[in-house]
N, C-alpha and C. Protein backbone atom coordinates (compact mmCIF):
# COMPACT_ATOMS: atom_id res chain seq x y z
N MET A 1 -36.94 41.89 81.03
CA MET A 1 -37.25 42.29 79.83
C MET A 1 -36.11 42.83 78.90
N LYS A 2 -34.89 43.19 79.69
CA LYS A 2 -33.62 43.02 78.89
C LYS A 2 -33.07 41.96 78.56
N ARG A 3 -33.47 41.04 79.34
CA ARG A 3 -33.08 39.84 78.53
C ARG A 3 -33.61 39.56 77.33
N ILE A 4 -35.11 39.69 77.35
CA ILE A 4 -35.98 39.35 76.14
C ILE A 4 -35.39 40.31 75.03
N VAL A 5 -34.96 41.62 75.22
CA VAL A 5 -34.33 42.40 74.35
C VAL A 5 -33.34 41.96 73.71
N ILE A 6 -32.27 41.56 74.73
CA ILE A 6 -31.09 41.15 74.26
C ILE A 6 -31.11 39.60 73.27
N ALA A 7 -32.10 38.88 73.82
CA ALA A 7 -32.70 37.67 72.93
C ALA A 7 -32.84 37.65 71.91
N LEU A 8 -33.96 38.92 71.67
CA LEU A 8 -34.59 39.41 70.38
C LEU A 8 -33.60 39.98 69.51
N THR A 9 -32.57 40.78 70.07
CA THR A 9 -31.56 41.07 69.15
C THR A 9 -30.52 40.37 68.65
N ILE A 10 -30.18 39.39 69.45
CA ILE A 10 -29.66 38.07 69.04
C ILE A 10 -30.21 37.16 68.09
N LEU A 11 -31.28 37.25 68.08
CA LEU A 11 -32.18 36.48 67.29
C LEU A 11 -32.30 37.00 66.02
N LEU A 12 -32.64 38.35 65.88
CA LEU A 12 -32.64 39.25 64.75
C LEU A 12 -31.28 39.44 64.07
N LEU A 13 -30.23 39.50 64.81
CA LEU A 13 -28.89 39.63 64.15
C LEU A 13 -28.50 38.25 63.60
N SER A 14 -28.84 37.20 64.22
CA SER A 14 -28.73 36.05 63.49
C SER A 14 -29.50 35.37 62.53
N ILE A 15 -30.53 36.01 62.09
CA ILE A 15 -31.30 35.74 61.14
C ILE A 15 -30.89 35.98 59.81
N PRO A 16 -30.44 37.31 59.57
CA PRO A 16 -29.71 37.64 58.36
C PRO A 16 -28.44 36.81 58.22
N LEU A 17 -27.63 36.61 59.34
CA LEU A 17 -26.63 35.66 58.89
C LEU A 17 -27.11 34.27 58.61
N SER A 18 -27.96 33.73 59.18
CA SER A 18 -28.40 32.47 59.06
C SER A 18 -28.84 32.41 57.23
N ALA A 19 -29.83 33.44 57.12
CA ALA A 19 -30.19 33.34 55.61
C ALA A 19 -29.16 33.74 54.83
N GLN A 20 -28.35 34.63 55.16
CA GLN A 20 -27.11 34.53 54.17
C GLN A 20 -26.31 33.18 53.93
N GLN A 21 -26.22 32.53 55.11
CA GLN A 21 -25.39 31.32 55.20
C GLN A 21 -26.25 30.23 54.24
N GLU A 22 -27.60 30.32 54.48
CA GLU A 22 -28.29 29.54 53.47
C GLU A 22 -28.27 29.81 52.22
N ALA A 23 -28.31 31.00 51.88
CA ALA A 23 -28.20 31.55 50.51
C ALA A 23 -26.80 30.91 49.86
N ASN A 24 -25.96 31.19 50.74
CA ASN A 24 -24.48 30.73 50.35
C ASN A 24 -24.50 29.28 50.40
N ARG A 25 -25.00 28.44 50.61
CA ARG A 25 -25.33 27.26 51.01
C ARG A 25 -25.86 26.80 49.39
N GLN A 26 -27.32 27.30 48.99
CA GLN A 26 -27.77 26.71 47.96
C GLN A 26 -27.17 27.37 46.71
N ALA A 27 -26.45 28.52 46.61
CA ALA A 27 -25.54 28.99 45.61
C ALA A 27 -24.86 28.01 45.15
N PRO A 28 -23.99 27.65 46.06
CA PRO A 28 -22.85 26.46 45.34
C PRO A 28 -23.59 25.25 44.96
N ALA A 29 -24.74 24.95 45.53
CA ALA A 29 -25.59 23.83 45.38
C ALA A 29 -26.00 23.88 44.01
N GLN A 30 -26.40 25.11 43.84
CA GLN A 30 -27.12 25.40 42.19
C GLN A 30 -25.81 25.51 41.31
N GLN A 31 -24.55 25.87 41.85
CA GLN A 31 -23.66 25.96 40.83
C GLN A 31 -23.00 24.54 40.33
N GLN A 32 -23.09 23.83 41.59
CA GLN A 32 -22.37 22.59 41.37
C GLN A 32 -22.96 21.58 40.09
N PRO A 33 -24.30 21.73 39.91
CA PRO A 33 -24.69 20.76 38.98
C PRO A 33 -24.16 21.55 37.68
N ASN A 34 -24.17 22.82 37.43
CA ASN A 34 -23.68 23.44 36.28
C ASN A 34 -22.09 23.49 35.75
N GLN A 35 -21.66 23.26 37.25
CA GLN A 35 -20.23 23.10 37.14
C GLN A 35 -19.59 21.84 36.56
N PRO A 36 -20.02 20.76 36.87
CA PRO A 36 -19.81 19.47 36.19
C PRO A 36 -20.00 19.48 34.81
N GLN A 37 -21.14 19.90 34.38
CA GLN A 37 -21.45 20.18 32.93
C GLN A 37 -20.74 21.05 32.36
N GLN A 38 -20.25 21.91 32.98
CA GLN A 38 -19.42 23.21 32.24
C GLN A 38 -18.01 22.27 31.94
N GLU A 39 -17.62 21.43 33.02
CA GLU A 39 -16.36 20.84 32.99
C GLU A 39 -16.49 19.67 31.74
N THR A 40 -17.36 18.99 31.74
CA THR A 40 -17.51 17.78 30.83
C THR A 40 -17.74 18.51 29.39
N VAL A 41 -18.33 19.81 29.38
CA VAL A 41 -18.62 20.05 27.96
C VAL A 41 -16.93 20.92 27.68
N GLN A 42 -16.34 21.27 28.56
CA GLN A 42 -14.73 21.62 28.30
C GLN A 42 -13.94 20.36 27.72
N LYS A 43 -14.19 19.27 28.61
CA LYS A 43 -13.49 18.00 28.47
C LYS A 43 -13.51 17.59 27.04
N LYS A 44 -15.02 17.51 26.43
CA LYS A 44 -15.32 16.89 25.32
C LYS A 44 -14.99 17.77 24.26
N SER A 45 -14.77 19.12 24.44
CA SER A 45 -14.38 20.19 23.57
C SER A 45 -12.96 20.02 23.26
N PHE A 46 -12.15 19.69 24.59
CA PHE A 46 -10.71 19.62 24.31
C PHE A 46 -10.53 18.22 23.60
N GLU A 47 -11.25 17.21 23.93
CA GLU A 47 -10.98 15.80 23.29
C GLU A 47 -11.62 15.82 21.95
N GLU A 48 -12.30 16.57 21.40
CA GLU A 48 -13.02 16.56 20.11
C GLU A 48 -11.72 17.56 19.31
N GLU A 49 -11.07 18.56 19.88
CA GLU A 49 -9.85 19.14 19.59
C GLU A 49 -9.11 18.23 19.14
N ARG A 50 -8.38 17.36 20.19
CA ARG A 50 -7.20 16.54 20.09
C ARG A 50 -7.48 15.61 18.97
N LEU A 51 -8.86 14.77 18.66
CA LEU A 51 -9.17 13.80 17.64
C LEU A 51 -9.08 14.84 16.52
N GLY A 52 -9.71 15.87 16.37
CA GLY A 52 -9.53 16.65 15.05
C GLY A 52 -7.82 16.60 14.68
N ILE A 53 -7.22 16.85 15.38
CA ILE A 53 -5.82 16.98 15.16
C ILE A 53 -5.14 15.67 15.05
N VAL A 54 -5.49 14.58 15.59
CA VAL A 54 -5.19 13.63 15.13
C VAL A 54 -5.46 12.90 13.83
N ARG A 55 -6.44 13.22 13.71
CA ARG A 55 -7.50 13.05 12.21
C ARG A 55 -6.36 13.74 11.22
N GLU A 56 -6.34 14.99 11.34
CA GLU A 56 -5.25 15.79 10.40
C GLU A 56 -3.91 15.08 10.05
N ASP A 57 -3.51 14.61 11.25
CA ASP A 57 -2.06 14.16 11.34
C ASP A 57 -2.33 12.48 10.36
N ILE A 58 -3.22 11.94 10.67
CA ILE A 58 -3.35 10.74 9.93
C ILE A 58 -3.53 10.81 8.44
N LYS A 59 -4.59 12.00 7.94
CA LYS A 59 -4.51 12.17 6.65
C LYS A 59 -3.40 12.78 6.24
N LYS A 60 -2.40 13.29 6.72
CA LYS A 60 -1.22 13.63 6.33
C LYS A 60 -0.47 12.33 6.09
N GLU A 61 -0.18 11.82 7.13
CA GLU A 61 0.44 10.49 7.14
C GLU A 61 -0.21 9.59 5.78
N LEU A 62 -1.49 9.58 5.67
CA LEU A 62 -1.89 8.73 4.69
C LEU A 62 -1.62 9.15 3.38
N ASP A 63 -1.68 10.71 2.98
CA ASP A 63 -1.35 11.17 1.79
C ASP A 63 -0.10 10.88 1.74
N GLN A 64 1.08 11.14 2.41
CA GLN A 64 2.56 10.79 2.34
C GLN A 64 2.64 9.22 1.82
N LEU A 65 1.92 8.40 2.50
CA LEU A 65 1.95 7.00 2.24
C LEU A 65 1.99 6.76 0.88
N ARG A 66 0.63 7.28 0.24
CA ARG A 66 0.15 7.06 -1.16
C ARG A 66 1.05 7.79 -1.97
N LYS A 67 1.87 8.72 -1.60
CA LYS A 67 2.72 9.35 -2.75
C LYS A 67 3.92 8.38 -2.86
N ILE A 68 4.44 7.84 -1.56
CA ILE A 68 5.36 6.72 -1.52
C ILE A 68 4.99 5.84 -2.26
N LYS A 69 3.91 5.30 -2.10
CA LYS A 69 3.43 3.83 -2.82
C LYS A 69 3.44 4.12 -4.18
N LYS A 70 3.03 5.37 -4.81
CA LYS A 70 3.10 5.53 -6.22
C LYS A 70 4.55 5.73 -6.57
N GLU A 71 5.22 6.40 -5.99
CA GLU A 71 6.85 6.24 -6.17
C GLU A 71 7.20 5.15 -6.33
N ILE A 72 6.98 3.98 -5.60
CA ILE A 72 7.78 2.50 -5.46
C ILE A 72 6.92 1.84 -6.39
N GLU A 73 5.77 2.16 -6.94
CA GLU A 73 5.28 1.43 -7.94
C GLU A 73 6.12 1.87 -9.39
N GLU A 74 6.38 3.11 -9.44
CA GLU A 74 7.04 3.90 -10.69
C GLU A 74 8.24 3.29 -10.63
N LEU A 75 9.12 3.25 -9.24
CA LEU A 75 10.49 2.63 -9.66
C LEU A 75 10.28 1.20 -9.84
N GLN A 76 9.34 0.51 -9.24
CA GLN A 76 9.08 -1.00 -10.07
C GLN A 76 8.69 -1.24 -11.39
N LYS A 77 8.09 -0.33 -11.87
CA LYS A 77 7.93 -0.48 -13.42
C LYS A 77 9.04 -0.14 -14.19
N LEU A 78 9.92 1.04 -13.74
CA LEU A 78 11.16 1.17 -14.27
C LEU A 78 12.23 -0.01 -14.17
N PHE A 79 12.37 -0.32 -13.02
CA PHE A 79 13.05 -1.68 -12.65
C PHE A 79 12.72 -2.97 -13.67
N ASP A 80 11.54 -3.20 -13.59
CA ASP A 80 10.87 -4.09 -14.42
C ASP A 80 11.57 -4.03 -16.05
N GLN A 81 11.30 -3.01 -16.36
CA GLN A 81 11.67 -2.52 -17.93
C GLN A 81 13.09 -2.69 -17.88
N LYS A 82 13.87 -2.38 -17.16
CA LYS A 82 15.21 -2.38 -17.23
C LYS A 82 15.42 -3.99 -17.20
N VAL A 83 15.01 -4.59 -16.24
CA VAL A 83 15.46 -5.90 -16.20
C VAL A 83 15.03 -6.87 -17.64
N GLU A 84 13.73 -6.31 -18.09
CA GLU A 84 13.37 -6.95 -19.35
C GLU A 84 14.15 -6.69 -20.50
N GLN A 85 14.73 -5.26 -20.24
CA GLN A 85 15.69 -5.06 -21.57
C GLN A 85 17.12 -5.86 -21.45
N LYS A 86 17.38 -6.05 -20.14
CA LYS A 86 18.62 -7.01 -20.04
C LYS A 86 18.66 -8.25 -20.42
N ASP A 87 17.36 -8.80 -20.07
CA ASP A 87 16.88 -10.20 -20.64
C ASP A 87 16.98 -10.43 -22.15
N ILE A 88 16.51 -9.19 -22.65
CA ILE A 88 16.37 -9.18 -24.16
C ILE A 88 17.74 -9.00 -24.89
N GLU A 89 18.70 -8.38 -24.18
CA GLU A 89 20.07 -8.22 -24.48
C GLU A 89 20.95 -9.75 -24.33
N LEU A 90 20.65 -10.21 -23.34
CA LEU A 90 21.09 -11.35 -22.82
C LEU A 90 20.50 -12.52 -24.04
N LEU A 91 19.43 -12.46 -24.18
CA LEU A 91 19.00 -13.36 -25.52
C LEU A 91 19.64 -13.23 -26.67
N ALA A 92 19.69 -11.87 -26.87
CA ALA A 92 20.30 -11.71 -28.20
C ALA A 92 21.72 -11.98 -28.19
N GLN A 93 22.44 -11.91 -27.23
CA GLN A 93 23.83 -12.79 -27.08
C GLN A 93 23.75 -14.00 -27.07
N VAL A 94 23.05 -14.98 -26.53
CA VAL A 94 23.00 -16.13 -26.58
C VAL A 94 22.47 -16.51 -28.06
N ALA A 95 21.71 -15.81 -28.66
CA ALA A 95 21.25 -16.53 -30.06
C ALA A 95 22.36 -16.21 -31.03
N LYS A 96 23.26 -15.01 -30.81
CA LYS A 96 24.28 -14.95 -31.45
C LYS A 96 25.67 -15.96 -31.40
N ILE A 97 25.41 -16.65 -30.15
CA ILE A 97 26.30 -17.55 -29.91
C ILE A 97 25.70 -18.70 -30.55
N TYR A 98 24.48 -18.92 -30.51
CA TYR A 98 24.03 -20.42 -31.46
C TYR A 98 24.11 -20.05 -32.91
N GLU A 99 24.02 -19.04 -33.30
CA GLU A 99 24.13 -18.55 -34.87
C GLU A 99 25.63 -18.91 -35.35
N SER A 100 26.52 -18.28 -34.28
CA SER A 100 27.99 -18.84 -34.83
C SER A 100 28.37 -20.25 -34.92
N MET A 101 27.60 -21.15 -34.09
CA MET A 101 27.93 -22.69 -34.15
C MET A 101 27.53 -23.20 -35.58
N GLN A 102 28.11 -24.33 -35.78
CA GLN A 102 27.72 -25.05 -36.64
C GLN A 102 26.05 -25.66 -36.50
N ALA A 103 25.46 -25.93 -37.38
CA ALA A 103 23.81 -26.21 -37.12
C ALA A 103 23.88 -27.56 -36.21
N GLU A 104 24.89 -28.65 -36.79
CA GLU A 104 24.61 -29.84 -35.89
C GLU A 104 25.10 -29.66 -34.33
N GLU A 105 26.15 -28.80 -34.45
CA GLU A 105 26.65 -28.67 -32.90
C GLU A 105 25.54 -27.73 -32.03
N ALA A 106 24.77 -26.84 -32.83
CA ALA A 106 23.94 -26.19 -31.96
C ALA A 106 22.56 -27.18 -31.63
N ALA A 107 22.10 -27.81 -32.82
CA ALA A 107 21.21 -28.96 -32.34
C ALA A 107 21.39 -29.82 -31.53
N ARG A 108 22.34 -30.26 -31.30
CA ARG A 108 23.09 -31.11 -30.06
C ARG A 108 22.92 -30.36 -28.93
N ARG A 109 23.40 -29.01 -28.77
CA ARG A 109 22.83 -28.47 -27.37
C ARG A 109 21.50 -27.97 -27.07
N LEU A 110 20.86 -27.50 -28.20
CA LEU A 110 19.42 -27.34 -27.82
C LEU A 110 18.55 -28.46 -27.26
N GLU A 111 18.88 -29.91 -27.64
CA GLU A 111 18.51 -30.95 -27.35
C GLU A 111 18.36 -31.36 -26.07
N LYS A 112 19.55 -30.99 -25.40
CA LYS A 112 19.85 -31.31 -24.20
C LYS A 112 19.11 -30.24 -23.06
N LEU A 113 18.52 -28.99 -23.85
CA LEU A 113 17.76 -27.94 -22.87
C LEU A 113 16.50 -28.55 -22.89
N ASP A 114 15.61 -27.94 -21.70
CA ASP A 114 14.01 -28.26 -21.74
C ASP A 114 13.25 -27.50 -22.78
N ASP A 115 12.02 -27.73 -23.16
CA ASP A 115 11.51 -27.28 -24.33
C ASP A 115 11.37 -25.72 -24.29
N ASP A 116 10.79 -25.15 -23.04
CA ASP A 116 10.51 -23.60 -23.04
C ASP A 116 11.95 -23.05 -23.47
N THR A 117 13.10 -23.56 -22.76
CA THR A 117 14.52 -22.65 -22.94
C THR A 117 14.89 -22.91 -24.53
N ALA A 118 14.69 -23.88 -24.84
CA ALA A 118 15.10 -24.32 -26.21
C ALA A 118 14.03 -23.41 -27.52
N VAL A 119 12.79 -23.34 -26.98
CA VAL A 119 12.01 -22.32 -27.69
C VAL A 119 12.28 -20.99 -27.78
N THR A 120 12.91 -20.44 -26.66
CA THR A 120 13.16 -19.10 -26.42
C THR A 120 14.27 -18.93 -27.32
N ILE A 121 15.30 -19.89 -27.27
CA ILE A 121 16.69 -19.35 -28.09
C ILE A 121 16.17 -19.55 -29.47
N ILE A 122 15.48 -20.42 -29.99
CA ILE A 122 14.73 -20.56 -31.19
C ILE A 122 14.21 -19.47 -31.88
N VAL A 123 13.49 -18.86 -31.17
CA VAL A 123 12.57 -18.01 -31.38
C VAL A 123 13.37 -16.48 -31.67
N ALA A 124 14.77 -16.47 -30.93
CA ALA A 124 15.61 -15.05 -30.88
C ALA A 124 16.51 -15.45 -32.22
N LEU A 125 16.54 -16.63 -32.62
CA LEU A 125 17.36 -16.61 -33.94
C LEU A 125 16.67 -16.14 -35.15
N LYS A 126 18.03 -15.79 -35.99
CA LYS A 126 17.37 -15.64 -37.49
C LYS A 126 16.70 -16.74 -37.98
N PRO A 127 15.71 -16.51 -38.81
CA PRO A 127 14.49 -17.58 -39.26
C PRO A 127 15.46 -18.75 -40.19
N LYS A 128 16.47 -18.29 -40.70
CA LYS A 128 17.26 -19.42 -41.72
C LYS A 128 17.91 -20.01 -40.63
N THR A 129 18.59 -19.30 -39.86
CA THR A 129 19.62 -20.30 -38.92
C THR A 129 18.90 -21.30 -37.93
N ALA A 130 17.46 -20.54 -37.56
CA ALA A 130 16.64 -21.61 -36.76
C ALA A 130 16.21 -22.85 -37.61
N GLY A 131 16.08 -22.38 -38.83
CA GLY A 131 15.34 -23.76 -39.88
C GLY A 131 16.58 -24.53 -40.01
N ARG A 132 17.86 -24.31 -40.19
CA ARG A 132 18.93 -25.12 -40.00
C ARG A 132 18.81 -25.89 -39.18
N ILE A 133 19.04 -25.35 -37.59
CA ILE A 133 19.15 -26.15 -36.60
C ILE A 133 18.06 -26.90 -36.38
N LEU A 134 16.84 -26.51 -36.72
CA LEU A 134 15.42 -27.54 -36.24
C LEU A 134 15.83 -28.54 -37.31
N ALA A 135 16.11 -28.77 -38.12
CA ALA A 135 16.51 -29.57 -39.22
C ALA A 135 17.41 -30.97 -38.91
N GLN A 136 18.18 -30.43 -37.98
CA GLN A 136 19.40 -31.45 -37.44
C GLN A 136 18.99 -32.09 -36.10
N ILE A 137 17.42 -31.41 -35.55
CA ILE A 137 17.22 -31.99 -34.46
C ILE A 137 16.09 -33.18 -34.59
N GLU A 138 16.27 -34.40 -33.98
CA GLU A 138 15.26 -35.46 -34.05
C GLU A 138 13.87 -35.18 -34.39
N GLU A 139 13.16 -35.59 -35.17
CA GLU A 139 11.82 -35.36 -35.71
C GLU A 139 10.81 -35.01 -34.71
N ALA A 140 10.74 -35.63 -33.86
CA ALA A 140 9.57 -35.71 -32.93
C ALA A 140 9.90 -34.43 -32.05
N ARG A 141 11.04 -34.09 -31.56
CA ARG A 141 11.29 -33.18 -30.79
C ARG A 141 11.22 -31.94 -31.47
N ALA A 142 11.67 -31.96 -32.59
CA ALA A 142 11.55 -30.51 -33.75
C ALA A 142 10.13 -30.48 -33.96
N ALA A 143 9.02 -31.51 -34.01
CA ALA A 143 7.95 -31.23 -33.96
C ALA A 143 7.61 -30.54 -32.96
N THR A 144 7.76 -30.89 -31.64
CA THR A 144 7.19 -30.59 -30.10
C THR A 144 7.72 -29.15 -30.53
N LEU A 145 9.02 -28.83 -30.51
CA LEU A 145 9.29 -27.29 -30.43
C LEU A 145 8.65 -26.30 -31.44
N SER A 146 8.24 -26.86 -32.50
CA SER A 146 7.67 -26.08 -33.71
C SER A 146 6.21 -25.88 -33.14
N LYS A 147 5.82 -26.75 -32.49
CA LYS A 147 4.21 -26.40 -32.00
C LYS A 147 4.38 -25.47 -30.74
N LYS A 148 5.44 -25.47 -29.90
CA LYS A 148 5.45 -24.41 -28.77
C LYS A 148 6.04 -23.33 -29.26
N ILE A 149 6.61 -23.10 -30.55
CA ILE A 149 6.93 -21.86 -31.16
C ILE A 149 5.55 -21.15 -31.76
N LEU A 150 4.72 -22.14 -32.58
CA LEU A 150 3.42 -21.58 -32.67
C LEU A 150 2.43 -21.01 -31.70
N ALA A 151 2.82 -21.78 -30.71
CA ALA A 151 1.73 -21.55 -29.55
C ALA A 151 2.16 -20.34 -29.02
N ARG A 152 3.45 -20.21 -28.77
CA ARG A 152 3.93 -18.83 -28.01
C ARG A 152 3.42 -17.79 -29.20
N THR A 153 3.83 -17.86 -30.37
CA THR A 153 3.41 -16.74 -31.20
C THR A 153 2.01 -16.33 -31.26
N LYS A 154 1.02 -17.41 -31.13
CA LYS A 154 -0.28 -17.23 -30.79
C LYS A 154 -0.66 -16.24 -29.77
N VAL A 155 0.00 -16.77 -28.72
CA VAL A 155 -0.23 -15.95 -27.63
C VAL A 155 0.15 -14.41 -27.18
N LYS A 156 1.34 -14.15 -27.82
CA LYS A 156 1.91 -12.76 -28.16
C LYS A 156 0.76 -11.99 -29.24
N ARG A 157 0.53 -12.88 -30.09
CA ARG A 157 -0.46 -11.83 -31.02
C ARG A 157 -1.79 -11.62 -30.26
N GLU A 158 -2.32 -12.62 -29.69
CA GLU A 158 -3.55 -12.31 -28.60
C GLU A 158 -3.44 -11.21 -27.62
N LYS A 159 -2.02 -10.89 -26.96
CA LYS A 159 -1.58 -9.99 -26.09
C LYS A 159 -1.64 -8.79 -26.77
N THR A 160 -1.27 -8.35 -28.03
CA THR A 160 -1.16 -7.61 -28.65
C THR A 160 -2.52 -7.05 -29.19
N THR A 161 -3.36 -7.65 -29.63
CA THR A 161 -4.77 -7.50 -30.04
C THR A 161 -5.46 -6.97 -28.68
N GLN A 162 -5.26 -7.26 -27.77
CA GLN A 162 -6.19 -7.00 -26.42
C GLN A 162 -5.89 -5.48 -25.97
């Protein structure tokens, strides 16, 4: 009997321990599915936050690049204007040189140039000087140059009316 009482006492004492152990085993098992979900949610949240920061950095970089592009375009326009102004000044100098020559000498030199260059110089000359020089150029070439002068003038007029 003593043995039965001891066995029952051990059995009763072991039941609460087993139940508690079982409950402890089930609790982590129940928490484990939630724990990976929480970790996944935290990782996603962290990744989303990082992506947001990266997006903001990219937007800032894009804005900065757009500003730089605009500055470059403005500088390019300014440069082109200065180059065009310098070209005009150089052309005016060449025109003065041709105006200071005798008409026959200027005509001989213009005849050696290609049509576009000759037309550019003739257009820059004073009309009276250009007429005297064209009169000294061979007739067929003078006619060709005159046609190109008219075509260039027509193109310039069309550009200004647009």
